[in-house]
PDB file of all heavy atoms in Angstrom:
ATOM      1  N   ASP A   1      25.277  54.577 -10.364  1.00  0.00           N
ATOM      2  CA  ASP A   1      26.364  55.101  -9.465  1.00  0.00           C
ATOM      3  C   ASP A   1      27.447  55.737 -10.255  1.00  0.00           C
ATOM      4  O   ASP A   1      28.051  55.096 -11.091  1.00  0.00           O
ATOM      5  CB  ASP A   1      26.917  53.885  -8.746  1.00  0.00           C
ATOM      6  CG  ASP A   1      27.873  54.417  -7.597  1.00  0.00           C
ATOM      7  OD1 ASP A   1      28.455  55.582  -7.719  1.00  0.00           O
ATOM      8  OD2 ASP A   1      28.067  53.617  -6.619  1.00  0.00           O
ATOM      9  N   ILE A   2      27.509  57.104 -10.190  1.00  0.00           N
ATOM     10  CA  ILE A   2      28.469  57.851 -10.981  1.00  0.00           C
ATOM     11  C   ILE A   2      29.686  58.404 -10.082  1.00  0.00           C
ATOM     12  O   ILE A   2      30.276  59.404 -10.525  1.00  0.00           O
ATOM     13  CB  ILE A   2      27.850  58.904 -11.854  1.00  0.00           C
ATOM     14  CG1 ILE A   2      27.106  59.941 -10.913  1.00  0.00           C
ATOM     15  CG2 ILE A   2      26.979  58.258 -12.869  1.00  0.00           C
ATOM     16  CD1 ILE A   2      26.686  61.247 -11.740  1.00  0.00           C
ATOM     17  N   THR A   3      29.782  57.925  -8.909  1.00  0.00           N
ATOM     18  CA  THR A   3      30.692  58.508  -7.862  1.00  0.00           C
ATOM     19  C   THR A   3      32.067  58.790  -8.465  1.00  0.00           C
ATOM     20  O   THR A   3      32.657  59.891  -8.232  1.00  0.00           O
ATOM     21  CB  THR A   3      30.766  57.651  -6.668  1.00  0.00           C
ATOM     22  OG1 THR A   3      29.537  57.311  -6.243  1.00  0.00           O
ATOM     23  CG2 THR A   3      31.603  58.266  -5.520  1.00  0.00           C
ATOM     24  N   GLU A   4      32.610  57.834  -9.119  1.00  0.00           N
ATOM     25  CA  GLU A   4      34.010  58.017  -9.616  1.00  0.00           C
ATOM     26  C   GLU A   4      34.184  59.112 -10.690  1.00  0.00           C
ATOM     27  O   GLU A   4      35.449  59.589 -10.909  1.00  0.00           O
ATOM     28  CB  GLU A   4      34.482  56.692 -10.283  1.00  0.00           C
ATOM     29  CG  GLU A   4      34.911  55.576  -9.223  1.00  0.00           C
ATOM     30  CD  GLU A   4      33.643  54.913  -8.896  1.00  0.00           C
ATOM     31  OE1 GLU A   4      32.599  55.282  -9.280  1.00  0.00           O
ATOM     32  OE2 GLU A   4      33.810  53.840  -8.095  1.00  0.00           O
ATOM     33  N   CYS A   5      33.151  59.582 -11.260  1.00  0.00           N
ATOM     34  CA  CYS A   5      33.240  60.791 -12.155  1.00  0.00           C
ATOM     35  C   CYS A   5      33.920  62.010 -11.574  1.00  0.00           C
ATOM     36  O   CYS A   5      34.326  62.846 -12.263  1.00  0.00           O
ATOM     37  CB  CYS A   5      31.858  61.173 -12.769  1.00  0.00           C
ATOM     38  SG  CYS A   5      31.117  59.958 -13.791  1.00  0.00           S
ATOM     39  N   PHE A   6      33.827  62.067 -10.252  1.00  0.00           N
ATOM     40  CA  PHE A   6      34.233  63.282  -9.594  1.00  0.00           C
ATOM     41  C   PHE A   6      35.700  63.148  -9.020  1.00  0.00           C
ATOM     42  O   PHE A   6      36.190  64.014  -8.297  1.00  0.00           O
ATOM     43  CB  PHE A   6      33.242  63.684  -8.488  1.00  0.00           C
ATOM     44  CG  PHE A   6      31.914  63.835  -8.960  1.00  0.00           C
ATOM     45  CD1 PHE A   6      30.896  62.724  -8.972  1.00  0.00           C
ATOM     46  CD2 PHE A   6      31.460  65.002  -9.673  1.00  0.00           C
ATOM     47  CE1 PHE A   6      29.731  62.847  -9.533  1.00  0.00           C
ATOM     48  CE2 PHE A   6      30.203  65.058 -10.158  1.00  0.00           C
ATOM     49  CZ  PHE A   6      29.316  64.008 -10.088  1.00  0.00           C
ATOM     50  N   THR A   7      36.326  62.070  -9.303  1.00  0.00           N
ATOM     51  CA  THR A   7      37.776  61.861  -8.916  1.00  0.00           C
ATOM     52  C   THR A   7      38.643  61.938 -10.180  1.00  0.00           C
ATOM     53  O   THR A   7      38.596  61.167 -11.143  1.00  0.00           O
ATOM     54  CB  THR A   7      37.945  60.421  -8.308  1.00  0.00           C
ATOM     55  OG1 THR A   7      37.008  60.222  -7.297  1.00  0.00           O
ATOM     56  CG2 THR A   7      39.403  60.252  -7.859  1.00  0.00           C
ATOM     57  N   GLU A   8      39.382  63.112 -10.214  1.00  0.00           N
ATOM     58  CA  GLU A   8      40.275  63.351 -11.390  1.00  0.00           C
ATOM     59  C   GLU A   8      41.140  62.155 -11.688  1.00  0.00           C
ATOM     60  O   GLU A   8      41.751  61.667 -10.886  1.00  0.00           O
ATOM     61  CB  GLU A   8      41.113  64.568 -11.075  1.00  0.00           C
ATOM     62  CG  GLU A   8      41.946  65.185 -12.218  1.00  0.00           C
ATOM     63  CD  GLU A   8      41.135  66.155 -13.037  1.00  0.00           C
ATOM     64  OE1 GLU A   8      40.299  66.891 -12.596  1.00  0.00           O
ATOM     65  OE2 GLU A   8      41.323  66.063 -14.341  1.00  0.00           O
ATOM     66  N   GLY A   9      41.231  61.807 -12.976  1.00  0.00           N
ATOM     67  CA  GLY A   9      42.075  60.705 -13.403  1.00  0.00           C
ATOM     68  C   GLY A   9      41.605  59.298 -13.136  1.00  0.00           C
ATOM     69  O   GLY A   9      42.291  58.349 -13.522  1.00  0.00           O
ATOM     70  N   ASP A  10      40.473  59.183 -12.539  1.00  0.00           N
ATOM     71  CA  ASP A  10      39.914  57.766 -12.284  1.00  0.00           C
ATOM     72  C   ASP A  10      39.473  57.124 -13.553  1.00  0.00           C
ATOM     73  O   ASP A  10      38.565  57.725 -14.255  1.00  0.00           O
ATOM     74  CB  ASP A  10      38.871  57.905 -11.273  1.00  0.00           C
ATOM     75  CG  ASP A  10      38.320  56.527 -10.858  1.00  0.00           C
ATOM     76  OD1 ASP A  10      37.596  55.841 -11.597  1.00  0.00           O
ATOM     77  OD2 ASP A  10      38.703  56.028  -9.683  1.00  0.00           O
ATOM     78  N   GLU A  11      40.021  56.006 -13.917  1.00  0.00           N
ATOM     79  CA  GLU A  11      39.723  55.332 -15.177  1.00  0.00           C
ATOM     80  C   GLU A  11      38.217  55.004 -15.365  1.00  0.00           C
ATOM     81  O   GLU A  11      37.584  55.223 -16.343  1.00  0.00           O
ATOM     82  CB  GLU A  11      40.482  54.115 -15.370  1.00  0.00           C
ATOM     83  CG  GLU A  11      40.562  53.568 -16.784  1.00  0.00           C
ATOM     84  CD  GLU A  11      41.454  52.330 -16.904  1.00  0.00           C
ATOM     85  OE1 GLU A  11      42.144  52.028 -16.058  1.00  0.00           O
ATOM     86  OE2 GLU A  11      41.196  51.600 -17.905  1.00  0.00           O
ATOM     87  N   VAL A  12      37.610  54.527 -14.240  1.00  0.00           N
ATOM     88  CA  VAL A  12      36.191  54.208 -14.333  1.00  0.00           C
ATOM     89  C   VAL A  12      35.408  55.503 -14.492  1.00  0.00           C
ATOM     90  O   VAL A  12      34.439  55.563 -15.293  1.00  0.00           O
ATOM     91  CB  VAL A  12      35.695  53.460 -13.036  1.00  0.00           C
ATOM     92  CG1 VAL A  12      34.249  53.412 -12.904  1.00  0.00           C
ATOM     93  CG2 VAL A  12      36.297  52.046 -13.075  1.00  0.00           C
ATOM     94  N   GLY A  13      35.767  56.536 -13.654  1.00  0.00           N
ATOM     95  CA  GLY A  13      35.062  57.759 -13.760  1.00  0.00           C
ATOM     96  C   GLY A  13      35.202  58.410 -15.130  1.00  0.00           C
ATOM     97  O   GLY A  13      34.232  58.876 -15.766  1.00  0.00           O
ATOM     98  N   GLU A  14      36.355  58.323 -15.809  1.00  0.00           N
ATOM     99  CA  GLU A  14      36.550  58.774 -17.183  1.00  0.00           C
ATOM    100  C   GLU A  14      35.637  58.059 -18.185  1.00  0.00           C
ATOM    101  O   GLU A  14      35.074  58.736 -19.102  1.00  0.00           O
ATOM    102  CB  GLU A  14      37.943  58.848 -17.550  1.00  0.00           C
ATOM    103  CG  GLU A  14      38.780  59.791 -16.814  1.00  0.00           C
ATOM    104  CD  GLU A  14      40.270  59.883 -17.223  1.00  0.00           C
ATOM    105  OE1 GLU A  14      40.700  58.996 -18.044  1.00  0.00           O
ATOM    106  OE2 GLU A  14      40.976  60.857 -16.725  1.00  0.00           O
ATOM    107  N   LEU A  15      35.531  56.791 -18.046  1.00  0.00           N
ATOM    108  CA  LEU A  15      34.715  55.994 -19.012  1.00  0.00           C
ATOM    109  C   LEU A  15      33.245  56.396 -18.734  1.00  0.00           C
ATOM    110  O   LEU A  15      32.501  56.423 -19.767  1.00  0.00           O
ATOM    111  CB  LEU A  15      35.042  54.488 -18.767  1.00  0.00           C
ATOM    112  CG  LEU A  15      34.823  53.542 -19.824  1.00  0.00           C
ATOM    113  CD1 LEU A  15      35.588  53.986 -21.071  1.00  0.00           C
ATOM    114  CD2 LEU A  15      35.388  52.091 -19.439  1.00  0.00           C
ATOM    115  N   LEU A  16      32.765  56.446 -17.492  1.00  0.00           N
ATOM    116  CA  LEU A  16      31.452  56.887 -17.285  1.00  0.00           C
ATOM    117  C   LEU A  16      31.099  58.187 -17.829  1.00  0.00           C
ATOM    118  O   LEU A  16      30.012  58.491 -18.435  1.00  0.00           O
ATOM    119  CB  LEU A  16      31.110  56.788 -15.735  1.00  0.00           C
ATOM    120  CG  LEU A  16      30.921  55.399 -15.182  1.00  0.00           C
ATOM    121  CD1 LEU A  16      30.954  55.547 -13.629  1.00  0.00           C
ATOM    122  CD2 LEU A  16      29.738  54.767 -15.681  1.00  0.00           C
ATOM    123  N   LEU A  17      32.037  59.174 -17.734  1.00  0.00           N
ATOM    124  CA  LEU A  17      31.764  60.514 -18.190  1.00  0.00           C
ATOM    125  C   LEU A  17      31.763  60.553 -19.747  1.00  0.00           C
ATOM    126  O   LEU A  17      30.898  61.285 -20.280  1.00  0.00           O
ATOM    127  CB  LEU A  17      33.020  61.420 -17.759  1.00  0.00           C
ATOM    128  CG  LEU A  17      32.784  62.262 -16.499  1.00  0.00           C
ATOM    129  CD1 LEU A  17      34.038  63.020 -16.213  1.00  0.00           C
ATOM    130  CD2 LEU A  17      31.641  63.234 -16.618  1.00  0.00           C
ATOM    131  N   ASP A  18      32.495  59.665 -20.393  1.00  0.00           N
ATOM    132  CA  ASP A  18      32.364  59.536 -21.873  1.00  0.00           C
ATOM    133  C   ASP A  18      31.103  59.088 -22.219  1.00  0.00           C
ATOM    134  O   ASP A  18      30.439  59.533 -23.104  1.00  0.00           O
ATOM    135  CB  ASP A  18      33.456  58.508 -22.343  1.00  0.00           C
ATOM    136  CG  ASP A  18      34.832  59.051 -22.443  1.00  0.00           C
ATOM    137  OD1 ASP A  18      35.022  60.197 -21.908  1.00  0.00           O
ATOM    138  OD2 ASP A  18      35.696  58.543 -23.105  1.00  0.00           O
ATOM    139  N   PHE A  19      30.510  58.143 -21.431  1.00  0.00           N
ATOM    140  CA  PHE A  19      29.184  57.548 -21.750  1.00  0.00           C
ATOM    141  C   PHE A  19      28.125  58.635 -21.448  1.00  0.00           C
ATOM    142  O   PHE A  19      27.130  58.778 -22.329  1.00  0.00           O
ATOM    143  CB  PHE A  19      28.907  56.305 -20.905  1.00  0.00           C
ATOM    144  CG  PHE A  19      27.640  55.521 -21.395  1.00  0.00           C
ATOM    145  CD1 PHE A  19      27.774  54.788 -22.463  1.00  0.00           C
ATOM    146  CD2 PHE A  19      26.453  55.659 -20.752  1.00  0.00           C
ATOM    147  CE1 PHE A  19      26.583  54.085 -22.934  1.00  0.00           C
ATOM    148  CE2 PHE A  19      25.362  55.001 -21.143  1.00  0.00           C
ATOM    149  CZ  PHE A  19      25.402  54.228 -22.285  1.00  0.00           C
ATOM    150  N   LEU A  20      28.221  59.338 -20.472  1.00  0.00           N
ATOM    151  CA  LEU A  20      27.148  60.287 -20.031  1.00  0.00           C
ATOM    152  C   LEU A  20      27.189  61.551 -21.077  1.00  0.00           C
ATOM    153  O   LEU A  20      26.134  62.072 -21.411  1.00  0.00           O
ATOM    154  CB  LEU A  20      27.520  60.854 -18.618  1.00  0.00           C
ATOM    155  CG  LEU A  20      27.052  60.009 -17.449  1.00  0.00           C
ATOM    156  CD1 LEU A  20      27.868  60.353 -16.180  1.00  0.00           C
ATOM    157  CD2 LEU A  20      25.558  60.110 -17.287  1.00  0.00           C
ATOM    158  N   THR A  21      28.319  61.858 -21.640  1.00  0.00           N
ATOM    159  CA  THR A  21      28.478  63.012 -22.475  1.00  0.00           C
ATOM    160  C   THR A  21      28.372  62.607 -23.906  1.00  0.00           C
ATOM    161  O   THR A  21      28.242  63.423 -24.837  1.00  0.00           O
ATOM    162  CB  THR A  21      29.686  63.787 -22.227  1.00  0.00           C
ATOM    163  OG1 THR A  21      30.898  63.013 -22.382  1.00  0.00           O
ATOM    164  CG2 THR A  21      29.676  64.387 -20.749  1.00  0.00           C
ATOM    165  N   GLU A  22      28.653  61.278 -24.225  1.00  0.00           N
ATOM    166  CA  GLU A  22      28.771  60.819 -25.548  1.00  0.00           C
ATOM    167  C   GLU A  22      29.980  61.472 -26.298  1.00  0.00           C
ATOM    168  O   GLU A  22      29.923  61.622 -27.507  1.00  0.00           O
ATOM    169  CB  GLU A  22      27.444  61.042 -26.439  1.00  0.00           C
ATOM    170  CG  GLU A  22      26.291  60.231 -25.928  1.00  0.00           C
ATOM    171  CD  GLU A  22      26.202  58.800 -26.456  1.00  0.00           C
ATOM    172  OE1 GLU A  22      26.960  58.440 -27.409  1.00  0.00           O
ATOM    173  OE2 GLU A  22      25.494  57.931 -26.005  1.00  0.00           O
ATOM    174  N   VAL A  23      30.904  61.685 -25.470  1.00  0.00           N
ATOM    175  CA  VAL A  23      32.207  62.366 -26.037  1.00  0.00           C
ATOM    176  C   VAL A  23      33.407  61.449 -25.720  1.00  0.00           C
ATOM    177  O   VAL A  23      33.628  60.991 -24.567  1.00  0.00           O
ATOM    178  CB  VAL A  23      32.447  63.751 -25.456  1.00  0.00           C
ATOM    179  CG1 VAL A  23      33.845  64.436 -25.797  1.00  0.00           C
ATOM    180  CG2 VAL A  23      31.357  64.690 -25.961  1.00  0.00           C
ATOM    181  N   ILE A  24      34.283  61.240 -26.750  1.00  0.00           N
ATOM    182  CA  ILE A  24      35.553  60.545 -26.481  1.00  0.00           C
ATOM    183  C   ILE A  24      36.526  61.355 -25.623  1.00  0.00           C
ATOM    184  O   ILE A  24      36.780  62.483 -25.918  1.00  0.00           O
ATOM    185  CB  ILE A  24      36.287  60.246 -27.798  1.00  0.00           C
ATOM    186  CG1 ILE A  24      35.367  59.249 -28.700  1.00  0.00           C
ATOM    187  CG2 ILE A  24      37.576  59.529 -27.487  1.00  0.00           C
ATOM    188  CD1 ILE A  24      35.862  59.189 -30.120  1.00  0.00           C
ATOM    189  N   GLY A  25      36.883  60.796 -24.435  1.00  0.00           N
ATOM    190  CA  GLY A  25      37.922  61.478 -23.613  1.00  0.00           C
ATOM    191  C   GLY A  25      37.400  62.812 -23.115  1.00  0.00           C
ATOM    192  O   GLY A  25      38.193  63.784 -23.131  1.00  0.00           O
ATOM    193  N   PHE A  26      36.133  62.789 -22.632  1.00  0.00           N
ATOM    194  CA  PHE A  26      35.555  64.093 -22.282  1.00  0.00           C
ATOM    195  C   PHE A  26      36.416  64.805 -21.261  1.00  0.00           C
ATOM    196  O   PHE A  26      36.674  66.050 -21.326  1.00  0.00           O
ATOM    197  CB  PHE A  26      34.086  63.866 -21.746  1.00  0.00           C
ATOM    198  CG  PHE A  26      33.499  65.141 -21.228  1.00  0.00           C
ATOM    199  CD1 PHE A  26      32.926  66.130 -22.134  1.00  0.00           C
ATOM    200  CD2 PHE A  26      33.456  65.496 -19.925  1.00  0.00           C
ATOM    201  CE1 PHE A  26      32.389  67.218 -21.674  1.00  0.00           C
ATOM    202  CE2 PHE A  26      32.808  66.592 -19.368  1.00  0.00           C
ATOM    203  CZ  PHE A  26      32.303  67.512 -20.258  1.00  0.00           C
ATOM    204  N   SER A  27      36.851  64.090 -20.144  1.00  0.00           N
ATOM    205  CA  SER A  27      37.537  64.777 -19.118  1.00  0.00           C
ATOM    206  C   SER A  27      38.943  65.378 -19.570  1.00  0.00           C
ATOM    207  O   SER A  27      39.343  66.287 -18.963  1.00  0.00           O
ATOM    208  CB  SER A  27      37.713  63.880 -17.883  1.00  0.00           C
ATOM    209  OG  SER A  27      38.544  62.819 -18.242  1.00  0.00           O
ATOM    210  N   LYS A  28      39.460  64.842 -20.629  1.00  0.00           N
ATOM    211  CA  LYS A  28      40.741  65.302 -21.082  1.00  0.00           C
ATOM    212  C   LYS A  28      40.603  66.352 -22.228  1.00  0.00           C
ATOM    213  O   LYS A  28      41.373  67.270 -22.317  1.00  0.00           O
ATOM    214  CB  LYS A  28      41.648  64.121 -21.613  1.00  0.00           C
ATOM    215  CG  LYS A  28      42.119  63.093 -20.691  1.00  0.00           C
ATOM    216  CD  LYS A  28      43.071  62.207 -21.308  1.00  0.00           C
ATOM    217  CE  LYS A  28      43.560  61.112 -20.197  1.00  0.00           C
ATOM    218  NZ  LYS A  28      42.686  60.065 -19.895  1.00  0.00           N
ATOM    219  N   ASN A  29      39.494  66.270 -22.962  1.00  0.00           N
ATOM    220  CA  ASN A  29      39.453  67.057 -24.125  1.00  0.00           C
ATOM    221  C   ASN A  29      38.376  68.222 -24.035  1.00  0.00           C
ATOM    222  O   ASN A  29      38.430  69.196 -24.963  1.00  0.00           O
ATOM    223  CB  ASN A  29      38.960  66.170 -25.361  1.00  0.00           C
ATOM    224  CG  ASN A  29      39.981  65.090 -25.740  1.00  0.00           C
ATOM    225  OD1 ASN A  29      41.218  65.372 -25.602  1.00  0.00           O
ATOM    226  ND2 ASN A  29      39.555  63.886 -25.977  1.00  0.00           N
ATOM    227  N   ALA A  30      37.447  68.187 -23.078  1.00  0.00           N
ATOM    228  CA  ALA A  30      36.501  69.225 -22.954  1.00  0.00           C
ATOM    229  C   ALA A  30      37.175  70.537 -22.490  1.00  0.00           C
ATOM    230  O   ALA A  30      37.976  70.455 -21.582  1.00  0.00           O
ATOM    231  CB  ALA A  30      35.300  68.815 -22.174  1.00  0.00           C
ATOM    232  N   PRO A  31      36.682  71.657 -22.935  1.00  0.00           N
ATOM    233  CA  PRO A  31      37.196  72.822 -22.286  1.00  0.00           C
ATOM    234  C   PRO A  31      36.809  72.945 -20.765  1.00  0.00           C
ATOM    235  O   PRO A  31      35.792  72.417 -20.376  1.00  0.00           O
ATOM    236  CB  PRO A  31      36.377  73.983 -22.972  1.00  0.00           C
ATOM    237  CG  PRO A  31      35.860  73.410 -24.241  1.00  0.00           C
ATOM    238  CD  PRO A  31      35.726  71.977 -23.949  1.00  0.00           C
ATOM    239  N   GLU A  32      37.634  73.618 -19.992  1.00  0.00           N
ATOM    240  CA  GLU A  32      37.515  73.548 -18.565  1.00  0.00           C
ATOM    241  C   GLU A  32      36.066  74.107 -18.045  1.00  0.00           C
ATOM    242  O   GLU A  32      35.460  73.507 -17.163  1.00  0.00           O
ATOM    243  CB  GLU A  32      38.487  74.469 -17.799  1.00  0.00           C
ATOM    244  CG  GLU A  32      39.848  73.686 -17.647  1.00  0.00           C
ATOM    245  CD  GLU A  32      39.698  72.356 -16.787  1.00  0.00           C
ATOM    246  OE1 GLU A  32      39.051  72.458 -15.877  1.00  0.00           O
ATOM    247  OE2 GLU A  32      40.303  71.463 -17.303  1.00  0.00           O
ATOM    248  N   ASP A  33      35.547  75.055 -18.815  1.00  0.00           N
ATOM    249  CA  ASP A  33      34.236  75.575 -18.311  1.00  0.00           C
ATOM    250  C   ASP A  33      33.164  74.638 -18.579  1.00  0.00           C
ATOM    251  O   ASP A  33      32.206  74.479 -17.883  1.00  0.00           O
ATOM    252  CB  ASP A  33      33.988  76.978 -18.938  1.00  0.00           C
ATOM    253  CG  ASP A  33      33.942  76.950 -20.494  1.00  0.00           C
ATOM    254  OD1 ASP A  33      34.571  76.019 -21.092  1.00  0.00           O
ATOM    255  OD2 ASP A  33      33.273  77.815 -21.085  1.00  0.00           O
ATOM    256  N   LEU A  34      33.248  73.957 -19.759  1.00  0.00           N
ATOM    257  CA  LEU A  34      32.207  72.850 -20.047  1.00  0.00           C
ATOM    258  C   LEU A  34      32.335  71.703 -19.104  1.00  0.00           C
ATOM    259  O   LEU A  34      31.287  71.224 -18.584  1.00  0.00           O
ATOM    260  CB  LEU A  34      32.380  72.335 -21.468  1.00  0.00           C
ATOM    261  CG  LEU A  34      31.410  71.330 -21.885  1.00  0.00           C
ATOM    262  CD1 LEU A  34      30.004  71.718 -21.824  1.00  0.00           C
ATOM    263  CD2 LEU A  34      31.786  70.780 -23.414  1.00  0.00           C
TER     264      LEU A  34
END
């Protein structure tokens, strides 16, 4: 279940996105287009 990934600023979503992309702080650090 990755639902929270699509809610900006959601802590659970941000952690799941880091795991999915293997990137630290993906939602804060990735370029907007990526």
